[in-house]
PDB file of N, CA and C in Angstrom:
ATOM      1  N   UNK A   1      -7.765  -6.895 -10.531  1.00  0.00           N
ATOM      2  CA  UNK A   1      -8.343  -5.740  -9.868  1.00  0.00           C
ATOM      3  C   UNK A   1      -7.500  -5.399  -8.631  1.00  0.00           C
ATOM      4  N   UNK A   2      -7.253  -4.142  -8.439  1.00  0.00           N
ATOM      5  CA  UNK A   2      -6.452  -3.667  -7.312  1.00  0.00           C
ATOM      6  C   UNK A   2      -7.332  -2.826  -6.390  1.00  0.00           C
ATOM      7  N   UNK A   3      -7.829  -3.423  -5.319  1.00  0.00           N
ATOM      8  CA  UNK A   3      -8.816  -2.724  -4.485  1.00  0.00           C
ATOM      9  C   UNK A   3      -8.219  -1.652  -3.569  1.00  0.00           C
ATOM     10  N   UNK A   4      -8.949  -0.547  -3.476  1.00  0.00           N
ATOM     11  CA  UNK A   4      -8.634   0.479  -2.483  1.00  0.00           C
ATOM     12  C   UNK A   4      -9.011  -0.062  -1.119  1.00  0.00           C
ATOM     13  N   UNK A   5      -8.151   0.170  -0.159  1.00  0.00           N
ATOM     14  CA  UNK A   5      -8.464  -0.296   1.184  1.00  0.00           C
ATOM     15  C   UNK A   5      -8.529   0.838   2.196  1.00  0.00           C
ATOM     16  N   UNK A   6      -8.016   2.009   1.797  1.00  0.00           N
ATOM     17  CA  UNK A   6      -7.998   3.125   2.731  1.00  0.00           C
ATOM     18  C   UNK A   6      -7.812   4.420   1.947  1.00  0.00           C
ATOM     19  N   UNK A   7      -8.501   5.464   2.390  1.00  0.00           N
ATOM     20  CA  UNK A   7      -8.328   6.801   1.820  1.00  0.00           C
ATOM     21  C   UNK A   7      -8.197   7.766   2.987  1.00  0.00           C
ATOM     22  N   UNK A   8      -7.196   8.624   2.910  1.00  0.00           N
ATOM     23  CA  UNK A   8      -6.998   9.646   3.927  1.00  0.00           C
ATOM     24  C   UNK A   8      -6.651  10.949   3.216  1.00  0.00           C
ATOM     25  N   UNK A   9      -7.602  11.853   3.213  1.00  0.00           N
ATOM     26  CA  UNK A   9      -7.473  13.092   2.443  1.00  0.00           C
ATOM     27  C   UNK A   9      -7.166  12.739   0.999  1.00  0.00           C
ATOM     28  N   UNK A  10      -6.048  13.225   0.477  1.00  0.00           N
ATOM     29  CA  UNK A  10      -5.723  12.951  -0.925  1.00  0.00           C
ATOM     30  C   UNK A  10      -4.964  11.645  -1.121  1.00  0.00           C
ATOM     31  N   UNK A  11      -4.548  10.991  -0.043  1.00  0.00           N
ATOM     32  CA  UNK A  11      -3.788   9.750  -0.156  1.00  0.00           C
ATOM     33  C   UNK A  11      -4.713   8.549  -0.314  1.00  0.00           C
ATOM     34  N   UNK A  12      -4.375   7.722  -1.282  1.00  0.00           N
ATOM     35  CA  UNK A  12      -5.147   6.528  -1.584  1.00  0.00           C
ATOM     36  C   UNK A  12      -4.234   5.323  -1.376  1.00  0.00           C
ATOM     37  N   UNK A  13      -4.722   4.343  -0.640  1.00  0.00           N
ATOM     38  CA  UNK A  13      -3.952   3.128  -0.332  1.00  0.00           C
ATOM     39  C   UNK A  13      -4.661   1.934  -0.972  1.00  0.00           C
ATOM     40  N   UNK A  14      -3.902   1.099  -1.654  1.00  0.00           N
ATOM     41  CA  UNK A  14      -4.509  -0.065  -2.284  1.00  0.00           C
ATOM     42  C   UNK A  14      -3.516  -1.213  -2.379  1.00  0.00           C
ATOM     43  N   UNK A  15      -4.079  -2.397  -2.587  1.00  0.00           N
ATOM     44  CA  UNK A  15      -3.274  -3.592  -2.821  1.00  0.00           C
ATOM     45  C   UNK A  15      -3.180  -3.808  -4.318  1.00  0.00           C
ATOM     46  N   UNK A  16      -2.028  -4.226  -4.765  1.00  0.00           N
ATOM     47  CA  UNK A  16      -1.840  -4.496  -6.185  1.00  0.00           C
ATOM     48  C   UNK A  16      -2.022  -5.988  -6.420  1.00  0.00           C
ATOM     49  N   UNK A  17      -2.843  -6.340  -7.396  1.00  0.00           N
ATOM     50  CA  UNK A  17      -3.148  -7.743  -7.647  1.00  0.00           C
ATOM     51  C   UNK A  17      -1.894  -8.543  -8.026  1.00  0.00           C
ATOM     52  N   UNK A  18      -0.972  -7.947  -8.737  1.00  0.00           N
ATOM     53  CA  UNK A  18       0.272  -8.644  -9.095  1.00  0.00           C
ATOM     54  C   UNK A  18       1.040  -9.050  -7.845  1.00  0.00           C
ATOM     55  N   UNK A  19       1.108  -8.149  -6.875  1.00  0.00           N
ATOM     56  CA  UNK A  19       1.818  -8.452  -5.628  1.00  0.00           C
ATOM     57  C   UNK A  19       1.178  -9.634  -4.907  1.00  0.00           C
ATOM     58  N   UNK A  20      -0.134  -9.643  -4.864  1.00  0.00           N
ATOM     59  CA  UNK A  20      -0.848 -10.714  -4.160  1.00  0.00           C
ATOM     60  C   UNK A  20      -0.586 -12.074  -4.792  1.00  0.00           C
ATOM     61  N   UNK A  21      -0.410 -12.082  -6.094  1.00  0.00           N
ATOM     62  CA  UNK A  21      -0.187 -13.343  -6.795  1.00  0.00           C
ATOM     63  C   UNK A  21       1.272 -13.785  -6.811  1.00  0.00           C
ATOM     64  N   UNK A  22       2.210 -12.834  -6.722  1.00  0.00           N
ATOM     65  CA  UNK A  22       3.605 -13.180  -6.975  1.00  0.00           C
ATOM     66  C   UNK A  22       4.588 -12.883  -5.847  1.00  0.00           C
ATOM     67  N   UNK A  23       4.136 -12.293  -4.759  1.00  0.00           N
ATOM     68  CA  UNK A  23       5.053 -11.966  -3.666  1.00  0.00           C
ATOM     69  C   UNK A  23       4.605 -12.635  -2.382  1.00  0.00           C
ATOM     70  N   UNK A  24       5.585 -12.982  -1.554  1.00  0.00           N
ATOM     71  CA  UNK A  24       5.286 -13.679  -0.314  1.00  0.00           C
ATOM     72  C   UNK A  24       4.981 -12.741   0.853  1.00  0.00           C
ATOM     73  N   UNK A  25       5.472 -11.521   0.785  1.00  0.00           N
ATOM     74  CA  UNK A  25       5.231 -10.621   1.916  1.00  0.00           C
ATOM     75  C   UNK A  25       4.262  -9.518   1.532  1.00  0.00           C
ATOM     76  N   UNK A  26       3.535  -9.069   2.520  1.00  0.00           N
ATOM     77  CA  UNK A  26       2.480  -8.077   2.317  1.00  0.00           C
ATOM     78  C   UNK A  26       3.053  -6.717   1.958  1.00  0.00           C
ATOM     79  N   UNK A  27       2.356  -6.018   1.074  1.00  0.00           N
ATOM     80  CA  UNK A  27       2.737  -4.665   0.697  1.00  0.00           C
ATOM     81  C   UNK A  27       1.485  -3.868   0.368  1.00  0.00           C
ATOM     82  N   UNK A  28       1.643  -2.562   0.372  1.00  0.00           N
ATOM     83  CA  UNK A  28       0.543  -1.681   0.006  1.00  0.00           C
ATOM     84  C   UNK A  28       1.101  -0.575  -0.871  1.00  0.00           C
ATOM     85  N   UNK A  29       0.296  -0.109  -1.800  1.00  0.00           N
ATOM     86  CA  UNK A  29       0.676   0.980  -2.688  1.00  0.00           C
ATOM     87  C   UNK A  29      -0.032   2.247  -2.221  1.00  0.00           C
ATOM     88  N   UNK A  30       0.625   3.377  -2.422  1.00  0.00           N
ATOM     89  CA  UNK A  30       0.083   4.658  -1.991  1.00  0.00           C
ATOM     90  C   UNK A  30       0.221   5.647  -3.133  1.00  0.00           C
ATOM     91  N   UNK A  31      -0.876   6.330  -3.430  1.00  0.00           N
ATOM     92  CA  UNK A  31      -0.864   7.350  -4.460  1.00  0.00           C
ATOM     93  C   UNK A  31      -1.551   8.606  -3.978  1.00  0.00           C
ATOM     94  N   UNK A  32      -1.484   9.610  -4.786  1.00  0.00           N
ATOM     95  CA  UNK A  32      -2.089  10.894  -4.453  1.00  0.00           C
ATOM     96  C   UNK A  32      -3.273  11.122  -5.379  1.00  0.00           C
ATOM     97  N   UNK A  33      -4.475  10.933  -4.835  1.00  0.00           N
ATOM     98  CA  UNK A  33      -5.691  11.183  -5.594  1.00  0.00           C
ATOM     99  C   UNK A  33      -6.170  10.046  -6.470  1.00  0.00           C
ATOM    100  N   UNK A  34      -5.270   9.179  -6.898  1.00  0.00           N
ATOM    101  CA  UNK A  34      -5.674   8.074  -7.758  1.00  0.00           C
ATOM    102  C   UNK A  34      -4.688   6.923  -7.626  1.00  0.00           C
ATOM    103  N   UNK A  35      -5.027   5.824  -8.245  1.00  0.00           N
ATOM    104  CA  UNK A  35      -4.175   4.645  -8.252  1.00  0.00           C
ATOM    105  C   UNK A  35      -3.367   4.650  -9.542  1.00  0.00           C
ATOM    106  N   UNK A  36      -2.095   4.924  -9.440  1.00  0.00           N
ATOM    107  CA  UNK A  36      -1.211   5.029 -10.595  1.00  0.00           C
ATOM    108  C   UNK A  36      -0.062   4.041 -10.412  1.00  0.00           C
ATOM    109  N   UNK A  37      -0.196   2.879 -10.993  1.00  0.00           N
ATOM    110  CA  UNK A  37       0.770   1.805 -10.784  1.00  0.00           C
ATOM    111  C   UNK A  37       2.193   2.165 -11.198  1.00  0.00           C
ATOM    112  N   UNK A  38       2.363   3.078 -12.114  1.00  0.00           N
ATOM    113  CA  UNK A  38       3.699   3.415 -12.608  1.00  0.00           C
ATOM    114  C   UNK A  38       4.394   4.466 -11.752  1.00  0.00           C
ATOM    115  N   UNK A  39       3.629   5.261 -11.026  1.00  0.00           N
ATOM    116  CA  UNK A  39       4.207   6.370 -10.278  1.00  0.00           C
ATOM    117  C   UNK A  39       3.947   6.314  -8.777  1.00  0.00           C
ATOM    118  N   UNK A  40       3.276   5.291  -8.338  1.00  0.00           N
ATOM    119  CA  UNK A  40       2.907   5.164  -6.932  1.00  0.00           C
ATOM    120  C   UNK A  40       4.082   4.793  -6.053  1.00  0.00           C
ATOM    121  N   UNK A  41       3.888   4.961  -4.767  1.00  0.00           N
ATOM    122  CA  UNK A  41       4.847   4.465  -3.782  1.00  0.00           C
ATOM    123  C   UNK A  41       4.407   3.059  -3.367  1.00  0.00           C
ATOM    124  N   UNK A  42       5.363   2.242  -3.000  1.00  0.00           N
ATOM    125  CA  UNK A  42       5.064   0.891  -2.515  1.00  0.00           C
ATOM    126  C   UNK A  42       5.742   0.733  -1.170  1.00  0.00           C
ATOM    127  N   UNK A  43       4.988   0.200  -0.216  1.00  0.00           N
ATOM    128  CA  UNK A  43       5.492   0.036   1.146  1.00  0.00           C
ATOM    129  C   UNK A  43       5.303  -1.416   1.574  1.00  0.00           C
ATOM    130  N   UNK A  44       6.391  -2.021   2.016  1.00  0.00           N
ATOM    131  CA  UNK A  44       6.291  -3.372   2.588  1.00  0.00           C
ATOM    132  C   UNK A  44       5.616  -3.274   3.947  1.00  0.00           C
ATOM    133  N   UNK A  45       4.749  -4.231   4.219  1.00  0.00           N
ATOM    134  CA  UNK A  45       4.116  -4.342   5.538  1.00  0.00           C
ATOM    135  C   UNK A  45       4.788  -5.429   6.366  1.00  0.00           C
ATOM    136  N   UNK A  46       5.552  -6.273   5.723  1.00  0.00           N
ATOM    137  CA  UNK A  46       6.212  -7.389   6.391  1.00  0.00           C
ATOM    138  C   UNK A  46       7.656  -7.488   5.916  1.00  0.00           C
ATOM    139  N   UNK A  47       8.586  -7.873   6.725  1.00  0.00           N
ATOM    140  CA  UNK A  47       8.423  -8.200   8.131  1.00  0.00           C
ATOM    141  C   UNK A  47       8.186  -6.966   9.001  1.00  0.00           C
ATOM    142  N   UNK A  48       8.468  -5.787   8.440  1.00  0.00           N
ATOM    143  CA  UNK A  48       8.159  -4.535   9.126  1.00  0.00           C
ATOM    144  C   UNK A  48       7.838  -3.486   8.063  1.00  0.00           C
ATOM    145  N   UNK A  49       7.330  -2.367   8.481  1.00  0.00           N
ATOM    146  CA  UNK A  49       6.997  -1.290   7.553  1.00  0.00           C
ATOM    147  C   UNK A  49       8.291  -0.717   6.986  1.00  0.00           C
ATOM    148  N   UNK A  50       8.382  -0.724   5.644  1.00  0.00           N
ATOM    149  CA  UNK A  50       9.593  -0.260   4.972  1.00  0.00           C
ATOM    150  C   UNK A  50       9.228   0.204   3.561  1.00  0.00           C
ATOM    151  N   UNK A  51       9.760   1.327   3.153  1.00  0.00           N
ATOM    152  CA  UNK A  51       9.495   1.827   1.802  1.00  0.00           C
ATOM    153  C   UNK A  51      10.220   0.939   0.803  1.00  0.00           C
ATOM    154  N   UNK A  52       9.456   0.327  -0.092  1.00  0.00           N
ATOM    155  CA  UNK A  52      10.035  -0.492  -1.157  1.00  0.00           C
ATOM    156  C   UNK A  52      10.376   0.385  -2.358  1.00  0.00           C
ATOM    157  N   UNK A  53       9.518   1.387  -2.612  1.00  0.00           N
ATOM    158  CA  UNK A  53       9.706   2.304  -3.731  1.00  0.00           C
ATOM    159  C   UNK A  53       9.008   3.608  -3.381  1.00  0.00           C
ATOM    160  N   UNK A  54       9.722   4.705  -3.458  1.00  0.00           N
ATOM    161  CA  UNK A  54       9.141   6.008  -3.095  1.00  0.00           C
ATOM    162  C   UNK A  54       8.168   6.523  -4.155  1.00  0.00           C
ATOM    163  N   UNK A  55       8.302   6.064  -5.368  1.00  0.00           N
ATOM    164  CA  UNK A  55       7.432   6.523  -6.437  1.00  0.00           C
ATOM    165  C   UNK A  55       7.751   7.952  -6.853  1.00  0.00           C
ATOM    166  N   UNK A  56       6.876   8.502  -7.680  1.00  0.00           N
ATOM    167  CA  UNK A  56       7.098   9.852  -8.208  1.00  0.00           C
ATOM    168  C   UNK A  56       6.018  10.846  -7.839  1.00  0.00           C
ATOM    169  N   UNK A  57       4.903  10.382  -7.324  1.00  0.00           N
ATOM    170  CA  UNK A  57       3.780  11.297  -7.106  1.00  0.00           C
ATOM    171  C   UNK A  57       3.759  11.931  -5.722  1.00  0.00           C
ATOM    172  N   UNK A  58       4.411  11.314  -4.751  1.00  0.00           N
ATOM    173  CA  UNK A  58       4.363  11.828  -3.384  1.00  0.00           C
ATOM    174  C   UNK A  58       5.618  12.624  -3.055  1.00  0.00           C
ATOM    175  N   UNK A  59       5.403  13.778  -2.458  1.00  0.00           N
ATOM    176  CA  UNK A  59       6.542  14.518  -1.907  1.00  0.00           C
ATOM    177  C   UNK A  59       6.982  13.811  -0.628  1.00  0.00           C
ATOM    178  N   UNK A  60       8.157  14.122  -0.151  1.00  0.00           N
ATOM    179  CA  UNK A  60       8.704  13.443   1.035  1.00  0.00           C
ATOM    180  C   UNK A  60       7.762  13.550   2.229  1.00  0.00           C
ATOM    181  N   UNK A  61       7.196  14.733   2.469  1.00  0.00           N
ATOM    182  CA  UNK A  61       6.294  14.894   3.616  1.00  0.00           C
ATOM    183  C   UNK A  61       5.016  14.067   3.437  1.00  0.00           C
ATOM    184  N   UNK A  62       4.544  13.908   2.205  1.00  0.00           N
ATOM    185  CA  UNK A  62       3.366  13.078   1.958  1.00  0.00           C
ATOM    186  C   UNK A  62       3.685  11.602   2.184  1.00  0.00           C
ATOM    187  N   UNK A  63       4.860  11.178   1.763  1.00  0.00           N
ATOM    188  CA  UNK A  63       5.270   9.802   2.012  1.00  0.00           C
ATOM    189  C   UNK A  63       5.406   9.547   3.510  1.00  0.00           C
ATOM    190  N   UNK A  64       5.973  10.498   4.234  1.00  0.00           N
ATOM    191  CA  UNK A  64       6.080  10.357   5.692  1.00  0.00           C
ATOM    192  C   UNK A  64       4.702  10.266   6.336  1.00  0.00           C
ATOM    193  N   UNK A  65       3.763  11.075   5.854  1.00  0.00           N
ATOM    194  CA  UNK A  65       2.389  11.008   6.385  1.00  0.00           C
ATOM    195  C   UNK A  65       1.761   9.663   6.054  1.00  0.00           C
ATOM    196  N   UNK A  66       2.013   9.174   4.840  1.00  0.00           N
ATOM    197  CA  UNK A  66       1.499   7.854   4.449  1.00  0.00           C
ATOM    198  C   UNK A  66       2.040   6.769   5.378  1.00  0.00           C
ATOM    199  N   UNK A  67       3.313   6.851   5.713  1.00  0.00           N
ATOM    200  CA  UNK A  67       3.903   5.874   6.628  1.00  0.00           C
ATOM    201  C   UNK A  67       3.262   5.950   8.005  1.00  0.00           C
ATOM    202  N   UNK A  68       2.956   7.142   8.475  1.00  0.00           N
ATOM    203  CA  UNK A  68       2.269   7.292   9.766  1.00  0.00           C
ATOM    204  C   UNK A  68       0.878   6.668   9.710  1.00  0.00           C
ATOM    205  N   UNK A  69       0.168   6.882   8.617  1.00  0.00           N
ATOM    206  CA  UNK A  69      -1.170   6.311   8.456  1.00  0.00           C
ATOM    207  C   UNK A  69      -1.090   4.788   8.418  1.00  0.00           C
ATOM    208  N   UNK A  70      -0.095   4.267   7.717  1.00  0.00           N
ATOM    209  CA  UNK A  70       0.097   2.815   7.663  1.00  0.00           C
ATOM    210  C   UNK A  70       0.361   2.269   9.061  1.00  0.00           C
ATOM    211  N   UNK A  71       1.192   2.951   9.830  1.00  0.00           N
ATOM    212  CA  UNK A  71       1.455   2.517  11.204  1.00  0.00           C
ATOM    213  C   UNK A  71       0.182   2.525  12.047  1.00  0.00           C
ATOM    214  N   UNK A  72      -0.641   3.546  11.891  1.00  0.00           N
ATOM    215  CA  UNK A  72      -1.881   3.658  12.668  1.00  0.00           C
ATOM    216  C   UNK A  72      -2.869   2.551  12.319  1.00  0.00           C
ATOM    217  N   UNK A  73      -2.848   2.092  11.075  1.00  0.00           N
ATOM    218  CA  UNK A  73      -3.814   1.093  10.604  1.00  0.00           C
ATOM    219  C   UNK A  73      -3.140  -0.243  10.280  1.00  0.00           C
ATOM    220  N   UNK A  74      -1.988  -0.463  10.875  1.00  0.00           N
ATOM    221  CA  UNK A  74      -1.158  -1.615  10.548  1.00  0.00           C
ATOM    222  C   UNK A  74      -1.898  -2.954  10.668  1.00  0.00           C
ATOM    223  N   UNK A  75      -2.524  -3.204  11.785  1.00  0.00           N
ATOM    224  CA  UNK A  75      -3.211  -4.492  11.988  1.00  0.00           C
ATOM    225  C   UNK A  75      -4.315  -4.684  10.952  1.00  0.00           C
ATOM    226  N   UNK A  76      -5.092  -3.647  10.722  1.00  0.00           N
ATOM    227  CA  UNK A  76      -6.174  -3.704   9.738  1.00  0.00           C
ATOM    228  C   UNK A  76      -5.614  -3.986   8.341  1.00  0.00           C
ATOM    229  N   UNK A  77      -4.560  -3.282   7.949  1.00  0.00           N
ATOM    230  CA  UNK A  77      -3.999  -3.441   6.611  1.00  0.00           C
ATOM    231  C   UNK A  77      -3.420  -4.840   6.407  1.00  0.00           C
ATOM    232  N   UNK A  78      -2.734  -5.372   7.390  1.00  0.00           N
ATOM    233  CA  UNK A  78      -2.199  -6.737   7.261  1.00  0.00           C
ATOM    234  C   UNK A  78      -3.334  -7.758   7.171  1.00  0.00           C
ATOM    235  N   UNK A  79      -4.350  -7.573   7.989  1.00  0.00           N
ATOM    236  CA  UNK A  79      -5.500  -8.483   7.945  1.00  0.00           C
ATOM    237  C   UNK A  79      -6.162  -8.438   6.565  1.00  0.00           C
ATOM    238  N   UNK A  80      -6.371  -7.246   6.050  1.00  0.00           N
ATOM    239  CA  UNK A  80      -6.993  -7.093   4.738  1.00  0.00           C
ATOM    240  C   UNK A  80      -6.110  -7.656   3.622  1.00  0.00           C
ATOM    241  N   UNK A  81      -4.793  -7.449   3.733  1.00  0.00           N
ATOM    242  CA  UNK A  81      -3.872  -7.982   2.733  1.00  0.00           C
ATOM    243  C   UNK A  81      -3.995  -9.497   2.657  1.00  0.00           C
ATOM    244  N   UNK A  82      -3.937 -10.165   3.796  1.00  0.00           N
ATOM    245  CA  UNK A  82      -3.970 -11.627   3.789  1.00  0.00           C
ATOM    246  C   UNK A  82      -5.327 -12.146   3.311  1.00  0.00           C
ATOM    247  N   UNK A  83      -6.398 -11.476   3.630  1.00  0.00           N
ATOM    248  CA  UNK A  83      -7.716 -11.866   3.121  1.00  0.00           C
ATOM    249  C   UNK A  83      -7.763 -11.687   1.601  1.00  0.00           C
ATOM    250  N   UNK A  84      -7.227 -10.581   1.116  1.00  0.00           N
ATOM    251  CA  UNK A  84      -7.193 -10.320  -0.333  1.00  0.00           C
ATOM    252  C   UNK A  84      -6.319 -11.354  -1.047  1.00  0.00           C
ATOM    253  N   UNK A  85      -5.169 -11.644  -0.476  1.00  0.00           N
ATOM    254  CA  UNK A  85      -4.269 -12.623  -1.090  1.00  0.00           C
ATOM    255  C   UNK A  85      -4.899 -14.015  -1.151  1.00  0.00           C
ATOM    256  N   UNK A  86      -5.598 -14.384  -0.099  1.00  0.00           N
ATOM    257  CA  UNK A  86      -6.279 -15.684  -0.100  1.00  0.00           C
ATOM    258  C   UNK A  86      -7.325 -15.759  -1.201  1.00  0.00           C
ATOM    259  N   UNK A  87      -8.044 -14.657  -1.415  1.00  0.00           N
ATOM    260  CA  UNK A  87      -9.059 -14.630  -2.486  1.00  0.00           C
ATOM    261  C   UNK A  87      -8.410 -14.630  -3.864  1.00  0.00           C
ATOM    262  N   UNK A  88      -7.258 -13.978  -4.011  1.00  0.00           N
ATOM    263  CA  UNK A  88      -6.590 -13.857  -5.312  1.00  0.00           C
ATOM    264  C   UNK A  88      -5.944 -15.169  -5.753  1.00  0.00           C
ATOM    265  N   UNK A  89      -5.508 -15.976  -4.799  1.00  0.00           N
ATOM    266  CA  UNK A  89      -4.809 -17.229  -5.145  1.00  0.00           C
ATOM    267  C   UNK A  89      -5.759 -18.371  -5.331  1.00  0.00           C
TER     268      UNK A  89
END
């Protein structure tokens, strides 16, 4: 299960269960309107905020807005990621 952790207008932010089980650093996925694992954007939260994959559903300005939202909620998202990862493992 890949839980939604944040919604801002049409942008949906969620953690991917595969990442929690197989990756050491925190990341979040971002989609437009829904969670689409094949077309979503992926953003590393650690060691710093960095686009891992731009995906296909977000235009550049939407991805930039997503990055701003991630920065605004950075502490919350990292806390939630680590709690989710602990439950998944």
